[in-house]
N, C-alpha and C. Protein backbone atom coordinates (compact mmCIF):
# COMPACT_ATOMS: atom_id res chain seq x y z
N UNK A 1 58.81 91.12 -13.74
CA UNK A 1 58.91 89.87 -14.26
C UNK A 1 57.55 89.23 -14.56
N UNK A 2 57.51 88.42 -15.55
CA UNK A 2 56.24 87.62 -15.84
C UNK A 2 56.71 86.18 -15.91
N UNK A 3 55.88 85.31 -15.20
CA UNK A 3 56.07 83.90 -15.26
C UNK A 3 55.45 83.39 -16.56
N UNK A 4 56.10 82.54 -17.33
CA UNK A 4 55.57 82.05 -18.60
C UNK A 4 55.24 80.54 -18.38
N UNK A 5 54.14 80.13 -18.95
CA UNK A 5 53.71 78.80 -18.93
C UNK A 5 54.41 78.01 -20.15
N UNK A 6 54.36 76.76 -20.14
CA UNK A 6 55.01 75.88 -21.07
C UNK A 6 54.55 76.24 -22.55
N UNK A 7 53.23 76.52 -22.63
CA UNK A 7 52.74 76.74 -23.98
C UNK A 7 53.25 78.05 -24.62
N UNK A 8 53.70 78.97 -23.76
CA UNK A 8 54.28 80.23 -24.31
C UNK A 8 55.70 79.87 -24.84
N UNK A 9 56.46 79.04 -24.09
CA UNK A 9 57.65 78.63 -24.62
C UNK A 9 57.64 77.90 -25.95
N UNK A 10 56.58 77.07 -26.09
CA UNK A 10 56.38 76.28 -27.28
C UNK A 10 56.00 77.31 -28.38
N UNK A 11 55.09 78.28 -28.13
CA UNK A 11 54.81 79.25 -29.18
C UNK A 11 56.12 80.06 -29.63
N UNK A 12 56.90 80.36 -28.65
CA UNK A 12 58.13 81.08 -28.92
C UNK A 12 59.05 80.23 -29.91
N UNK A 13 59.15 78.98 -29.72
CA UNK A 13 59.99 78.06 -30.50
C UNK A 13 59.34 77.73 -31.86
N UNK A 14 58.09 77.49 -31.92
CA UNK A 14 57.42 77.09 -33.12
C UNK A 14 57.15 78.19 -34.19
N UNK A 15 56.71 79.26 -33.67
CA UNK A 15 56.28 80.24 -34.66
C UNK A 15 57.05 81.58 -34.57
N UNK A 16 57.35 82.10 -35.65
CA UNK A 16 57.98 83.41 -35.68
C UNK A 16 56.87 84.54 -35.62
N UNK A 17 56.25 84.71 -34.45
CA UNK A 17 55.14 85.57 -34.34
C UNK A 17 55.24 86.54 -33.22
N UNK A 18 54.14 86.93 -32.66
CA UNK A 18 54.03 87.93 -31.69
C UNK A 18 54.60 87.50 -30.41
N UNK A 19 54.55 86.23 -30.00
CA UNK A 19 55.19 85.77 -28.78
C UNK A 19 56.66 85.87 -28.86
N UNK A 20 57.25 85.47 -29.98
CA UNK A 20 58.77 85.62 -30.10
C UNK A 20 59.12 87.08 -30.04
N UNK A 21 58.34 87.87 -30.72
CA UNK A 21 58.64 89.34 -30.75
C UNK A 21 58.64 89.97 -29.42
N UNK A 22 57.48 89.65 -28.64
CA UNK A 22 57.39 90.22 -27.28
C UNK A 22 58.63 89.81 -26.40
N UNK A 23 58.96 88.54 -26.45
CA UNK A 23 59.95 88.01 -25.67
C UNK A 23 61.34 88.50 -26.03
N UNK A 24 61.68 88.45 -27.30
CA UNK A 24 63.06 88.97 -27.77
C UNK A 24 63.16 90.41 -27.65
N UNK A 25 62.12 91.24 -27.59
CA UNK A 25 62.14 92.68 -27.44
C UNK A 25 62.30 93.10 -25.97
N UNK A 26 62.06 92.11 -25.03
CA UNK A 26 62.01 92.46 -23.61
C UNK A 26 62.82 91.46 -22.82
N UNK A 27 64.10 91.58 -22.92
CA UNK A 27 65.00 90.62 -22.20
C UNK A 27 64.87 90.98 -20.76
N UNK A 28 65.17 90.01 -19.89
CA UNK A 28 65.10 90.16 -18.49
C UNK A 28 63.76 90.42 -17.92
N UNK A 29 62.74 90.01 -18.62
CA UNK A 29 61.37 90.17 -18.17
C UNK A 29 60.73 88.87 -17.84
N UNK A 30 61.05 87.83 -18.46
CA UNK A 30 60.36 86.45 -18.45
C UNK A 30 61.14 85.45 -17.65
N UNK A 31 60.36 84.65 -16.89
CA UNK A 31 60.93 83.56 -16.20
C UNK A 31 59.94 82.44 -16.19
N UNK A 32 60.48 81.28 -15.94
CA UNK A 32 59.63 80.03 -15.87
C UNK A 32 60.30 79.06 -14.99
N UNK A 33 59.57 78.10 -14.37
CA UNK A 33 60.22 77.00 -13.67
C UNK A 33 61.04 76.11 -14.62
N UNK A 34 62.13 75.70 -14.15
CA UNK A 34 62.96 74.74 -14.96
C UNK A 34 62.11 73.58 -15.48
N UNK A 35 61.12 73.21 -14.71
CA UNK A 35 60.17 72.17 -15.12
C UNK A 35 59.66 72.33 -16.41
N UNK A 36 59.34 73.56 -16.85
CA UNK A 36 58.71 73.85 -18.13
C UNK A 36 59.60 73.59 -19.23
N UNK A 37 60.90 73.93 -19.09
CA UNK A 37 61.86 73.56 -20.23
C UNK A 37 62.02 71.99 -20.23
N UNK A 38 61.94 71.28 -19.15
CA UNK A 38 62.01 69.86 -19.18
C UNK A 38 60.81 69.23 -19.83
N UNK A 39 59.62 69.90 -19.60
CA UNK A 39 58.40 69.47 -20.30
C UNK A 39 58.52 69.65 -21.74
N UNK A 40 59.01 70.79 -22.23
CA UNK A 40 59.23 71.08 -23.69
C UNK A 40 60.14 70.05 -24.25
N UNK A 41 61.23 69.73 -23.52
CA UNK A 41 62.17 68.74 -24.06
C UNK A 41 61.52 67.33 -24.17
N UNK A 42 60.76 66.93 -23.12
CA UNK A 42 60.17 65.60 -23.10
C UNK A 42 59.16 65.40 -24.21
N UNK A 43 58.46 66.55 -24.66
CA UNK A 43 57.43 66.39 -25.70
C UNK A 43 58.04 66.89 -27.10
N UNK A 44 59.32 66.99 -27.20
CA UNK A 44 59.86 67.46 -28.47
C UNK A 44 59.44 66.72 -29.75
N UNK A 45 59.20 65.45 -29.60
CA UNK A 45 58.76 64.65 -30.77
C UNK A 45 57.37 65.09 -31.32
N UNK A 46 56.64 65.68 -30.40
CA UNK A 46 55.20 66.14 -30.81
C UNK A 46 55.21 67.46 -31.51
N UNK A 47 56.21 68.41 -31.06
CA UNK A 47 56.07 69.73 -31.65
C UNK A 47 57.22 70.04 -32.57
N UNK A 48 58.21 69.21 -32.66
CA UNK A 48 59.39 69.48 -33.55
C UNK A 48 59.05 69.10 -35.04
N UNK A 49 58.21 69.96 -35.65
CA UNK A 49 57.78 69.77 -36.98
C UNK A 49 58.96 69.63 -38.06
N UNK A 50 59.98 70.37 -37.77
CA UNK A 50 61.03 70.36 -38.76
C UNK A 50 62.04 69.26 -38.48
N UNK A 51 61.76 68.44 -37.52
CA UNK A 51 62.63 67.25 -37.26
C UNK A 51 64.11 67.68 -37.07
N UNK A 52 64.33 68.75 -36.23
CA UNK A 52 65.61 69.20 -36.00
C UNK A 52 66.25 68.07 -35.05
N UNK A 53 67.55 67.93 -35.19
CA UNK A 53 68.25 66.94 -34.34
C UNK A 53 68.13 67.35 -32.79
N UNK A 54 68.25 66.35 -31.94
CA UNK A 54 68.28 66.64 -30.54
C UNK A 54 69.41 67.62 -30.16
N UNK A 55 70.54 67.50 -30.77
CA UNK A 55 71.63 68.38 -30.48
C UNK A 55 71.26 69.80 -30.85
N UNK A 56 70.71 69.98 -32.06
CA UNK A 56 70.31 71.39 -32.42
C UNK A 56 69.25 71.94 -31.56
N UNK A 57 68.29 71.04 -31.18
CA UNK A 57 67.13 71.58 -30.27
C UNK A 57 67.79 71.86 -28.90
N UNK A 58 68.70 71.13 -28.40
CA UNK A 58 69.27 71.42 -27.11
C UNK A 58 70.03 72.83 -27.21
N UNK A 59 70.79 73.03 -28.25
CA UNK A 59 71.39 74.34 -28.33
C UNK A 59 70.46 75.49 -28.40
N UNK A 60 69.35 75.28 -29.10
CA UNK A 60 68.32 76.38 -29.24
C UNK A 60 67.74 76.62 -27.84
N UNK A 61 67.40 75.55 -27.10
CA UNK A 61 66.83 75.76 -25.75
C UNK A 61 67.81 76.36 -24.84
N UNK A 62 68.98 76.02 -24.92
CA UNK A 62 70.05 76.66 -24.03
C UNK A 62 70.11 78.15 -24.34
N UNK A 63 70.11 78.51 -25.61
CA UNK A 63 70.12 79.92 -26.00
C UNK A 63 68.90 80.65 -25.52
N UNK A 64 67.72 80.02 -25.58
CA UNK A 64 66.52 80.69 -25.07
C UNK A 64 66.62 80.88 -23.51
N UNK A 65 67.17 79.92 -22.79
CA UNK A 65 67.34 80.04 -21.39
C UNK A 65 68.35 81.15 -21.11
N UNK A 66 69.50 81.24 -21.87
CA UNK A 66 70.48 82.15 -21.57
C UNK A 66 70.11 83.66 -21.91
N UNK A 67 69.39 83.77 -22.95
CA UNK A 67 69.06 85.17 -23.43
C UNK A 67 67.67 85.64 -23.26
N UNK A 68 66.70 84.81 -23.10
CA UNK A 68 65.31 85.31 -23.15
C UNK A 68 64.38 84.93 -22.04
N UNK A 69 64.46 83.66 -21.52
CA UNK A 69 63.55 83.22 -20.58
C UNK A 69 64.29 82.57 -19.41
N UNK A 70 64.29 83.24 -18.24
CA UNK A 70 65.10 82.79 -17.13
C UNK A 70 64.49 81.45 -16.50
N UNK A 71 65.22 80.36 -16.52
CA UNK A 71 64.80 79.05 -15.88
C UNK A 71 64.94 79.23 -14.34
N UNK A 72 64.02 79.03 -13.59
CA UNK A 72 64.10 79.13 -12.10
C UNK A 72 64.21 77.74 -11.48
N UNK A 73 65.19 77.55 -10.62
CA UNK A 73 65.32 76.26 -9.97
C UNK A 73 64.22 76.03 -8.90
N UNK A 74 63.83 74.73 -8.75
CA UNK A 74 62.73 74.36 -7.80
C UNK A 74 62.94 74.92 -6.46
N UNK A 75 64.19 74.99 -5.94
CA UNK A 75 64.45 75.53 -4.69
C UNK A 75 63.83 76.90 -4.42
N UNK A 76 63.72 77.72 -5.36
CA UNK A 76 63.07 79.06 -5.25
C UNK A 76 61.62 78.92 -4.86
N UNK A 77 60.95 77.92 -5.30
CA UNK A 77 59.47 77.88 -5.11
C UNK A 77 59.04 76.57 -4.44
N UNK A 78 59.97 75.81 -3.97
CA UNK A 78 59.74 74.52 -3.34
C UNK A 78 58.68 74.60 -2.27
N UNK A 79 58.79 75.63 -1.45
CA UNK A 79 57.89 75.70 -0.30
C UNK A 79 56.46 76.04 -0.69
N UNK A 80 56.21 76.47 -1.91
CA UNK A 80 54.92 76.80 -2.45
C UNK A 80 54.25 75.70 -3.21
N UNK A 81 55.01 74.67 -3.43
CA UNK A 81 54.48 73.50 -4.29
C UNK A 81 53.18 72.89 -3.70
N UNK A 82 53.19 72.65 -2.38
CA UNK A 82 52.02 72.00 -1.86
C UNK A 82 50.78 72.85 -1.97
N UNK A 83 50.95 74.14 -1.66
CA UNK A 83 49.80 75.06 -1.76
C UNK A 83 49.29 75.19 -3.24
N UNK A 84 50.32 75.28 -4.17
CA UNK A 84 49.99 75.37 -5.55
C UNK A 84 49.21 74.18 -6.01
N UNK A 85 49.54 72.97 -5.53
CA UNK A 85 48.89 71.67 -6.04
C UNK A 85 47.38 71.74 -5.52
N UNK A 86 47.04 72.61 -4.58
CA UNK A 86 45.64 72.74 -4.24
C UNK A 86 44.88 73.71 -5.12
N UNK A 87 45.56 74.47 -5.82
CA UNK A 87 44.98 75.51 -6.64
C UNK A 87 44.66 75.10 -8.07
N UNK A 88 45.39 74.05 -8.60
CA UNK A 88 45.28 73.60 -10.03
C UNK A 88 45.51 72.09 -10.04
N UNK A 89 44.80 71.49 -10.97
CA UNK A 89 44.79 70.02 -11.04
C UNK A 89 45.83 69.33 -11.85
N UNK A 90 46.34 70.06 -12.82
CA UNK A 90 47.31 69.60 -13.74
C UNK A 90 48.70 69.71 -13.08
N UNK A 91 49.29 68.57 -12.86
CA UNK A 91 50.65 68.57 -12.12
C UNK A 91 51.70 69.30 -12.90
N UNK A 92 51.64 69.41 -14.23
CA UNK A 92 52.67 70.21 -14.95
C UNK A 92 52.49 71.68 -14.74
N UNK A 93 51.31 72.14 -14.26
CA UNK A 93 51.10 73.56 -14.00
C UNK A 93 51.43 73.91 -12.55
N UNK A 94 51.58 72.98 -11.66
CA UNK A 94 51.80 73.26 -10.25
C UNK A 94 53.14 74.04 -10.13
N UNK A 95 54.24 73.79 -10.77
CA UNK A 95 55.46 74.59 -10.64
C UNK A 95 55.26 76.08 -11.12
N UNK A 96 54.45 76.18 -12.12
CA UNK A 96 54.22 77.53 -12.61
C UNK A 96 53.43 78.37 -11.49
N UNK A 97 52.44 77.85 -10.92
CA UNK A 97 51.67 78.43 -9.93
C UNK A 97 52.62 78.67 -8.69
N UNK A 98 53.38 77.69 -8.30
CA UNK A 98 54.24 77.86 -7.18
C UNK A 98 55.29 79.00 -7.38
N UNK A 99 55.87 79.05 -8.59
CA UNK A 99 56.74 80.14 -8.83
C UNK A 99 56.11 81.44 -8.83
N UNK A 100 54.91 81.59 -9.34
CA UNK A 100 54.23 82.90 -9.27
C UNK A 100 53.94 83.27 -7.84
N UNK A 101 53.58 82.25 -6.97
CA UNK A 101 53.34 82.53 -5.58
C UNK A 101 54.60 83.05 -4.91
N UNK A 102 55.77 82.39 -5.27
CA UNK A 102 57.01 82.66 -4.55
C UNK A 102 57.82 83.90 -5.00
N UNK A 103 57.67 84.29 -6.21
CA UNK A 103 58.50 85.34 -6.82
C UNK A 103 57.67 86.54 -7.10
N UNK A 104 58.31 87.77 -6.91
CA UNK A 104 57.66 89.00 -7.37
C UNK A 104 57.50 88.96 -8.85
N UNK A 105 56.16 89.15 -9.18
CA UNK A 105 55.94 89.11 -10.72
C UNK A 105 54.68 89.84 -11.01
N UNK A 106 54.46 90.05 -12.35
CA UNK A 106 53.33 90.72 -12.78
C UNK A 106 52.18 89.81 -13.21
N UNK A 107 52.40 88.44 -13.19
CA UNK A 107 51.40 87.51 -13.46
C UNK A 107 51.97 86.43 -14.29
N UNK A 108 51.02 85.42 -14.63
CA UNK A 108 51.38 84.27 -15.32
C UNK A 108 50.91 84.47 -16.82
N UNK A 109 51.75 84.36 -17.75
CA UNK A 109 51.38 84.40 -19.11
C UNK A 109 51.16 83.05 -19.63
N UNK A 110 49.91 82.79 -20.20
CA UNK A 110 49.59 81.49 -20.68
C UNK A 110 48.69 81.68 -21.90
N UNK A 111 48.72 80.61 -22.79
CA UNK A 111 47.81 80.58 -23.91
C UNK A 111 46.53 79.77 -23.46
N UNK A 112 46.52 79.25 -22.27
CA UNK A 112 45.35 78.56 -21.78
C UNK A 112 44.81 79.26 -20.59
N UNK A 113 44.40 80.42 -20.78
CA UNK A 113 43.75 81.36 -19.69
C UNK A 113 42.62 80.69 -19.02
N UNK A 114 41.76 79.98 -19.73
CA UNK A 114 40.65 79.31 -19.07
C UNK A 114 41.04 78.27 -18.13
N UNK A 115 42.10 77.58 -18.40
CA UNK A 115 42.63 76.57 -17.51
C UNK A 115 42.96 77.16 -16.14
N UNK A 116 43.51 78.31 -16.20
CA UNK A 116 43.89 78.99 -14.89
C UNK A 116 42.81 79.86 -14.34
N UNK A 117 41.68 79.87 -15.04
CA UNK A 117 40.56 80.81 -14.60
C UNK A 117 39.69 80.23 -13.55
N UNK A 118 40.23 80.12 -12.30
CA UNK A 118 39.40 79.62 -11.17
C UNK A 118 39.51 80.68 -10.08
N UNK A 119 38.48 80.65 -9.31
CA UNK A 119 38.44 81.68 -8.23
C UNK A 119 39.59 81.60 -7.28
N UNK A 120 39.97 80.40 -6.87
CA UNK A 120 41.22 80.26 -6.09
C UNK A 120 42.42 80.83 -6.57
N UNK A 121 42.65 80.61 -7.94
CA UNK A 121 43.83 81.14 -8.54
C UNK A 121 43.76 82.69 -8.70
N UNK A 122 42.63 83.14 -9.16
CA UNK A 122 42.47 84.55 -9.41
C UNK A 122 42.51 85.41 -8.10
N UNK A 123 42.21 84.82 -7.03
CA UNK A 123 42.29 85.49 -5.73
C UNK A 123 43.73 85.78 -5.40
N UNK A 124 44.55 84.99 -5.81
CA UNK A 124 46.07 85.12 -5.47
C UNK A 124 46.99 85.61 -6.54
N UNK A 125 46.58 85.28 -7.83
CA UNK A 125 47.50 85.57 -8.94
C UNK A 125 46.76 86.28 -10.01
N UNK A 126 47.63 86.97 -10.82
CA UNK A 126 47.09 87.57 -12.07
C UNK A 126 47.44 86.67 -13.30
N UNK A 127 46.43 86.31 -14.04
CA UNK A 127 46.56 85.49 -15.22
C UNK A 127 46.55 86.32 -16.47
N UNK A 128 47.53 86.28 -17.32
CA UNK A 128 47.68 87.16 -18.48
C UNK A 128 47.65 86.33 -19.78
N UNK A 129 46.89 86.94 -20.69
CA UNK A 129 46.90 86.43 -22.04
C UNK A 129 47.88 87.29 -22.79
N UNK A 130 47.99 87.06 -24.07
CA UNK A 130 48.98 87.75 -24.92
C UNK A 130 48.66 89.22 -25.00
N UNK A 131 47.34 89.54 -25.12
CA UNK A 131 46.97 90.92 -25.15
C UNK A 131 47.34 91.72 -23.90
N UNK A 132 47.22 90.98 -22.74
CA UNK A 132 47.63 91.70 -21.48
C UNK A 132 49.06 91.95 -21.50
N UNK A 133 49.94 90.94 -21.94
CA UNK A 133 51.33 91.20 -21.92
C UNK A 133 51.69 92.30 -22.93
N UNK A 134 51.05 92.38 -24.06
CA UNK A 134 51.26 93.40 -24.99
C UNK A 134 50.94 94.80 -24.41
N UNK A 135 49.91 94.92 -23.56
CA UNK A 135 49.65 96.12 -22.89
C UNK A 135 50.74 96.53 -21.93
N UNK A 136 51.31 95.52 -21.32
CA UNK A 136 52.42 95.85 -20.35
C UNK A 136 53.78 96.07 -21.11
N UNK A 137 53.99 95.40 -22.17
CA UNK A 137 55.22 95.38 -22.90
C UNK A 137 54.90 95.55 -24.36
N UNK A 138 54.43 96.72 -24.92
CA UNK A 138 54.08 96.89 -26.29
C UNK A 138 55.33 96.69 -27.16
N UNK A 139 55.05 96.11 -28.33
CA UNK A 139 56.10 95.97 -29.33
C UNK A 139 55.46 96.38 -30.76
N UNK A 140 56.28 96.80 -31.66
CA UNK A 140 55.80 97.08 -33.00
C UNK A 140 55.49 95.81 -33.76
N UNK A 141 54.36 95.62 -34.35
CA UNK A 141 53.91 94.48 -35.02
C UNK A 141 53.85 94.64 -36.50
């Protein structure tokens, strides 16, 4: 399993590119804290370029959750939240770190690798860019 950051979910939704191809070609590989889907929903007015209705967006997100990216409830990683908050300053990334600490995984996939590039994080977790994920799960492009 790979833990995905919110920006990966956004890339999946916005662009029909490599991110979508990787995720749709590898079902049962990706998970994210439920918090990330909530964050995507809360900021929908910023990224919803096609001005899809809330009902349509909701259906799309539910399909993504059901078929491609497993949303993980906070109870799974709750005990790691305090420790995760000491590793990263952005409160929206704390659940991502906590899930990665709590669940067996191959790393955190993010488009903001530099944000996660601290000694404290790298000592405990593997941070993956898209090229790293492609090495683990190659797809035809």
